Amino acid sequence: LSGCGKKEDKDSKTDSKTITIAASATPHAEILEYAKTALKEKGYDLQVTVFDDYVKPNEVVESGEFDANFFQHQPYLTSYNKDKGYMKGDDGYLVSVGAIHFEPLGLYSTKYKAVSDIKDGAKIAIPNDATNEARALLLLADNGVLTLKKDAGVTATKKDVVSYNKKVELVEVDAAQVASKLPDVDFGIINGNYALDAKVTDKIITSEDSNSEAAKTYQNIIAVKESNKNNKAVKKLVEILKSDSTKKWIEKKFGVSVKPAE
């Protein structure tokens, strides 16, 4: 390009053979590392940088420093755009170019093996943030522990509980801390990535169904600036991440804790 006297637009990069992507460590960066070989065979170099917070990955894509990120689901991205005051067509507006996987919430226990072991008086630790608490309540409802209002859906709160079919105590905890609380409670509802980090995946009893409303809503996505959505390299990355071979690898590597997006 420099030989032609043309300057490559930092936001379009449609002919670049290098993909820079900001990602969470588990399982996002691991999935991307797997995809590197297939991308290399297609002539693309994938450069992954791991971030340990949920703010910077969007900021570095918004600024044009990175081509894409992989750490969030669509509701979080929608909230980010709204909080920033961005609307479709604005320079900083971020969009999804593909859903890759779903991290189901699961019911875990170091003391019990089945849902039927949930008895009156049981303590169940659940995430205390709005999104994950709603998912936890839906999971408990699906397993007959409690009954929710019919229209509660993915915005459910404890106020939407119509009845407790088991007289359980719901202990609200930061989502990242539920796994560490397992010894102190009877059951805990844990995000797939946190279960992997805490190495408690063998303690799972049941999890969100792949066809559930939560699964369809909270699939993790590859996000880019709207002006960069036609980036050929990122399109190739998404194609490989959604391939049958990558899906099979995800299933084998992560089991019930991470499921490929439909």
Protein backbone atom coordinates (compact mmCIF):
# COMPACT_ATOMS: atom_id res chain seq x y z
CA LEU A 1 0.00 0.00 0.00
CA SER A 2 2.81 2.40 0.85
CA GLY A 3 4.30 1.79 -2.62
CA CYS A 4 1.07 3.09 -4.13
CA GLY A 5 1.07 6.12 -1.88
CA LYS A 6 -2.14 4.93 -0.15
CA LYS A 7 -2.69 5.11 3.57
CA GLU A 8 -4.57 2.22 5.18
CA ASP A 9 -7.57 3.36 7.24
CA LYS A 10 -7.10 2.17 10.83
CA ASP A 11 -10.80 1.34 11.06
CA SER A 12 -11.35 -0.45 7.74
CA LYS A 13 -8.22 -2.64 7.48
CA THR A 14 -10.14 -4.79 5.01
CA ASP A 15 -6.96 -6.13 3.37
CA SER A 16 -4.87 -6.65 6.51
CA LYS A 17 -3.51 -10.15 7.15
CA THR A 18 -3.10 -9.44 10.86
CA ILE A 19 -5.95 -9.61 13.37
CA THR A 20 -5.51 -7.93 16.74
CA ILE A 21 -8.05 -9.03 19.31
CA ALA A 22 -8.64 -8.24 22.99
CA ALA A 23 -10.01 -11.16 25.00
CA SER A 24 -10.79 -12.56 28.43
CA ALA A 25 -8.48 -15.37 29.49
CA THR A 26 -10.97 -18.21 30.00
CA PRO A 27 -12.31 -19.59 27.73
CA HIS A 28 -12.07 -16.83 25.12
CA ALA A 29 -8.29 -16.60 24.70
CA GLU A 30 -8.02 -20.40 24.77
CA ILE A 31 -10.53 -20.72 21.94
CA LEU A 32 -8.66 -18.07 19.96
CA GLU A 33 -5.35 -19.88 20.49
CA TYR A 34 -6.92 -22.99 19.00
CA ALA A 35 -8.06 -20.99 15.97
CA LYS A 36 -4.56 -19.63 15.27
CA THR A 37 -3.39 -22.67 13.31
CA ALA A 38 -6.35 -22.71 10.94
CA LEU A 39 -6.02 -18.95 10.42
CA LYS A 40 -2.31 -19.30 9.70
CA GLU A 41 -3.13 -21.82 6.99
CA LYS A 42 -5.40 -19.18 5.44
CA GLY A 43 -2.62 -16.59 5.56
CA TYR A 44 -3.74 -14.65 8.63
CA ASP A 45 -1.80 -13.84 11.80
CA LEU A 46 -3.94 -13.72 14.96
CA GLN A 47 -2.53 -11.61 17.80
CA VAL A 48 -4.38 -12.16 21.10
CA THR A 49 -4.03 -9.84 24.10
CA VAL A 50 -5.64 -10.91 27.37
CA PHE A 51 -7.45 -8.35 29.53
CA ASP A 52 -8.66 -8.99 33.08
CA ASP A 53 -11.43 -6.38 33.16
CA TYR A 54 -14.66 -5.75 31.27
CA VAL A 55 -14.00 -2.13 30.28
CA LYS A 56 -10.71 -1.95 28.37
CA PRO A 57 -11.56 -4.55 25.69
CA ASN A 58 -14.33 -2.31 24.35
CA GLU A 59 -12.29 0.87 24.72
CA VAL A 60 -9.33 -0.44 22.70
CA VAL A 61 -11.64 -1.55 19.89
CA GLU A 62 -13.49 1.76 19.99
CA SER A 63 -10.19 3.65 19.68
CA GLY A 64 -9.06 1.54 16.71
CA GLU A 65 -6.08 0.12 18.60
CA PHE A 66 -7.53 -3.41 18.22
CA ASP A 67 -9.60 -4.89 15.41
CA ALA A 68 -11.99 -6.83 17.63
CA ASN A 69 -12.69 -8.21 21.07
CA PHE A 70 -14.05 -11.46 22.46
CA PHE A 71 -15.28 -11.35 26.05
CA GLN A 72 -18.93 -10.26 26.20
CA HIS A 73 -22.50 -11.09 25.24
CA GLN A 74 -24.88 -8.86 23.26
CA PRO A 75 -26.80 -7.42 26.27
CA TYR A 76 -23.51 -6.21 27.77
CA LEU A 77 -22.45 -4.65 24.45
CA THR A 78 -25.84 -3.00 24.06
CA SER A 79 -25.50 -1.55 27.56
CA TYR A 80 -21.96 -0.31 26.76
CA ASN A 81 -23.11 1.53 23.64
CA LYS A 82 -26.02 3.04 25.56
CA ASP A 83 -23.85 4.16 28.48
CA LYS A 84 -21.46 5.81 26.04
CA GLY A 85 -24.31 7.53 24.25
CA TYR A 86 -23.46 5.82 20.95
CA MET A 87 -26.09 5.10 18.33
CA LYS A 88 -25.89 3.18 15.07
CA GLY A 89 -23.72 5.15 12.66
CA ASP A 90 -21.65 6.89 15.36
CA ASP A 91 -17.87 6.51 15.14
CA GLY A 92 -17.58 4.65 18.44
CA TYR A 93 -20.56 2.34 17.95
CA LEU A 94 -19.65 -1.35 18.43
CA VAL A 95 -21.45 -4.29 16.83
CA SER A 96 -21.38 -8.07 16.90
CA VAL A 97 -20.08 -9.93 13.84
CA GLY A 98 -20.76 -13.41 15.21
CA ALA A 99 -21.86 -15.42 18.24
CA ILE A 100 -19.26 -18.06 19.16
CA HIS A 101 -20.16 -19.80 22.41
CA PHE A 102 -22.38 -19.87 25.46
CA GLU A 103 -21.18 -20.25 29.06
CA PRO A 104 -24.10 -21.91 30.83
CA LEU A 105 -24.80 -21.31 34.48
CA GLY A 106 -24.72 -24.58 36.34
CA LEU A 107 -25.89 -25.90 39.68
CA TYR A 108 -22.85 -27.19 41.59
CA SER A 109 -22.27 -28.86 44.93
CA THR A 110 -19.41 -30.43 46.85
CA LYS A 111 -21.90 -32.25 49.07
CA TYR A 112 -24.70 -33.52 46.83
CA LYS A 113 -25.09 -35.22 43.44
CA ALA A 114 -28.63 -34.54 42.21
CA VAL A 115 -31.35 -31.90 42.02
CA SER A 116 -33.51 -34.24 44.11
CA ASP A 117 -31.05 -33.67 46.97
CA ILE A 118 -32.32 -30.10 47.32
CA LYS A 119 -34.39 -30.23 50.50
CA ASP A 120 -36.15 -27.69 52.70
CA GLY A 121 -33.58 -25.56 54.48
CA ALA A 122 -30.90 -25.92 51.80
CA LYS A 123 -28.65 -22.90 51.22
CA ILE A 124 -28.07 -22.04 47.57
CA ALA A 125 -25.50 -19.39 46.62
CA ILE A 126 -26.52 -17.38 43.55
CA PRO A 127 -24.85 -14.45 41.72
CA ASN A 128 -25.97 -11.05 42.98
CA ASP A 129 -25.79 -9.06 39.71
CA ALA A 130 -29.03 -8.54 37.80
CA THR A 131 -28.19 -10.59 34.72
CA ASN A 132 -26.81 -13.68 36.44
CA GLU A 133 -29.34 -13.62 39.26
CA ALA A 134 -32.14 -13.75 36.69
CA ARG A 135 -30.47 -16.70 34.98
CA ALA A 136 -30.00 -18.45 38.33
CA LEU A 137 -33.68 -18.03 39.18
CA LEU A 138 -34.69 -19.37 35.77
CA LEU A 139 -32.44 -22.41 36.29
CA LEU A 140 -33.98 -23.08 39.69
CA ALA A 141 -37.46 -22.67 38.21
CA ASP A 142 -36.66 -25.09 35.38
CA ASN A 143 -35.65 -27.64 38.00
CA GLY A 144 -38.77 -27.22 40.12
CA VAL A 145 -37.15 -25.53 43.11
CA LEU A 146 -39.29 -22.41 42.74
CA THR A 147 -41.97 -20.93 40.51
CA LEU A 148 -41.61 -17.60 38.69
CA LYS A 149 -44.16 -15.30 37.12
CA LYS A 150 -44.83 -16.45 33.56
CA ASP A 151 -43.42 -13.28 31.97
CA ALA A 152 -40.33 -12.99 34.21
CA GLY A 153 -37.85 -14.18 31.57
CA VAL A 154 -34.21 -13.04 31.55
CA THR A 155 -35.05 -9.98 33.67
CA ALA A 156 -36.39 -12.03 36.58
CA THR A 157 -35.71 -10.90 40.16
CA LYS A 158 -36.55 -12.42 43.53
CA LYS A 159 -39.70 -10.28 43.44
CA ASP A 160 -40.89 -12.45 40.54
CA VAL A 161 -40.83 -15.62 42.65
CA VAL A 162 -44.43 -16.78 43.01
CA SER A 163 -43.63 -19.65 45.35
CA TYR A 164 -40.79 -21.72 46.72
CA ASN A 165 -41.50 -25.39 46.10
CA LYS A 166 -38.54 -26.12 48.36
CA LYS A 167 -38.00 -23.83 51.34
CA VAL A 168 -34.48 -22.89 50.33
CA GLU A 169 -32.37 -19.93 51.36
CA LEU A 170 -30.89 -17.98 48.45
CA VAL A 171 -27.51 -16.54 49.42
CA GLU A 172 -26.55 -13.69 47.09
CA VAL A 173 -22.82 -13.51 46.30
CA ASP A 174 -20.62 -11.82 43.70
CA ALA A 175 -20.67 -14.11 40.64
CA ALA A 176 -16.89 -14.59 40.73
CA GLN A 177 -17.04 -15.71 44.37
CA VAL A 178 -19.80 -18.34 44.26
CA ALA A 179 -17.34 -21.19 43.56
CA SER A 180 -15.27 -20.31 46.63
CA LYS A 181 -18.45 -20.36 48.74
CA LEU A 182 -19.37 -23.95 47.84
CA PRO A 183 -17.94 -25.39 51.09
CA ASP A 184 -20.17 -23.02 53.09
CA VAL A 185 -23.46 -23.75 51.30
CA ASP A 186 -25.33 -26.78 50.02
CA PHE A 187 -25.41 -25.69 46.38
CA GLY A 188 -24.10 -22.86 44.24
CA ILE A 189 -25.02 -21.55 40.80
CA ILE A 190 -21.83 -20.71 38.93
CA ASN A 191 -20.96 -19.25 35.51
CA GLY A 192 -19.13 -21.67 33.23
CA ASN A 193 -15.96 -19.56 33.03
CA TYR A 194 -15.75 -19.19 36.81
CA ALA A 195 -16.30 -22.93 37.26
CA LEU A 196 -13.37 -23.55 34.91
CA ASP A 197 -11.15 -21.09 36.78
CA ALA A 198 -12.04 -22.67 40.14
CA LYS A 199 -11.62 -26.21 38.77
CA VAL A 200 -15.00 -27.37 40.06
CA THR A 201 -16.49 -28.51 36.75
CA ASP A 202 -16.68 -32.08 38.08
CA LYS A 203 -19.11 -30.86 40.75
CA ILE A 204 -21.84 -29.87 38.32
CA ILE A 205 -25.34 -31.31 38.77
CA THR A 206 -27.29 -29.58 35.99
CA SER A 207 -26.99 -26.49 33.78
CA GLU A 208 -28.92 -24.16 31.49
CA ASP A 209 -30.24 -25.85 28.38
CA SER A 210 -28.69 -24.87 25.03
CA ASN A 211 -32.17 -24.08 23.70
CA SER A 212 -33.14 -21.91 26.66
CA GLU A 213 -33.92 -18.20 26.44
CA ALA A 214 -30.75 -17.51 28.43
CA ALA A 215 -28.61 -19.51 26.00
CA LYS A 216 -29.90 -17.54 23.03
CA THR A 217 -29.58 -14.21 24.82
CA TYR A 218 -26.14 -14.57 26.41
CA GLN A 219 -24.02 -16.09 23.67
CA ASN A 220 -20.51 -14.59 23.68
CA ILE A 221 -19.69 -12.58 20.57
CA ILE A 222 -16.88 -11.16 18.47
CA ALA A 223 -17.36 -7.38 18.53
CA VAL A 224 -15.91 -4.69 16.26
CA LYS A 225 -16.48 -1.04 15.43
CA GLU A 226 -19.39 -0.73 13.03
CA SER A 227 -17.04 0.90 10.51
CA ASN A 228 -14.84 -2.22 10.69
CA LYS A 229 -17.59 -4.84 10.30
CA ASN A 230 -16.43 -5.75 6.78
CA ASN A 231 -12.87 -6.47 7.89
CA LYS A 232 -11.97 -9.54 5.79
CA ALA A 233 -9.57 -10.90 8.40
CA VAL A 234 -12.16 -10.74 11.18
CA LYS A 235 -14.75 -12.37 8.91
CA LYS A 236 -12.32 -15.23 8.32
CA LEU A 237 -11.74 -15.49 12.08
CA VAL A 238 -15.49 -15.76 12.75
CA GLU A 239 -15.83 -18.36 9.99
CA ILE A 240 -13.17 -20.53 11.63
CA LEU A 241 -14.53 -20.01 15.15
CA LYS A 242 -17.98 -21.14 13.97
CA SER A 243 -16.64 -24.13 12.01
CA ASP A 244 -17.55 -27.70 12.92
CA SER A 245 -13.94 -28.46 13.88
CA THR A 246 -13.82 -25.58 16.38
CA LYS A 247 -17.22 -26.54 17.80
CA LYS A 248 -16.04 -30.11 18.36
CA TRP A 249 -12.86 -28.84 20.03
CA ILE A 250 -14.86 -26.58 22.37
CA GLU A 251 -17.11 -29.47 23.38
CA LYS A 252 -14.15 -31.76 24.03
CA LYS A 253 -12.05 -29.15 25.83
CA PHE A 254 -14.68 -27.56 28.09
CA GLY A 255 -17.48 -30.12 28.39
CA VAL A 256 -20.62 -28.75 30.05
CA SER A 257 -18.97 -25.46 31.05
CA VAL A 258 -18.80 -23.99 27.54
CA LYS A 259 -21.08 -24.82 24.63
CA PRO A 260 -20.75 -23.71 20.97
CA ALA A 261 -23.29 -21.15 19.80
CA GLU A 262 -26.11 -22.50 17.66
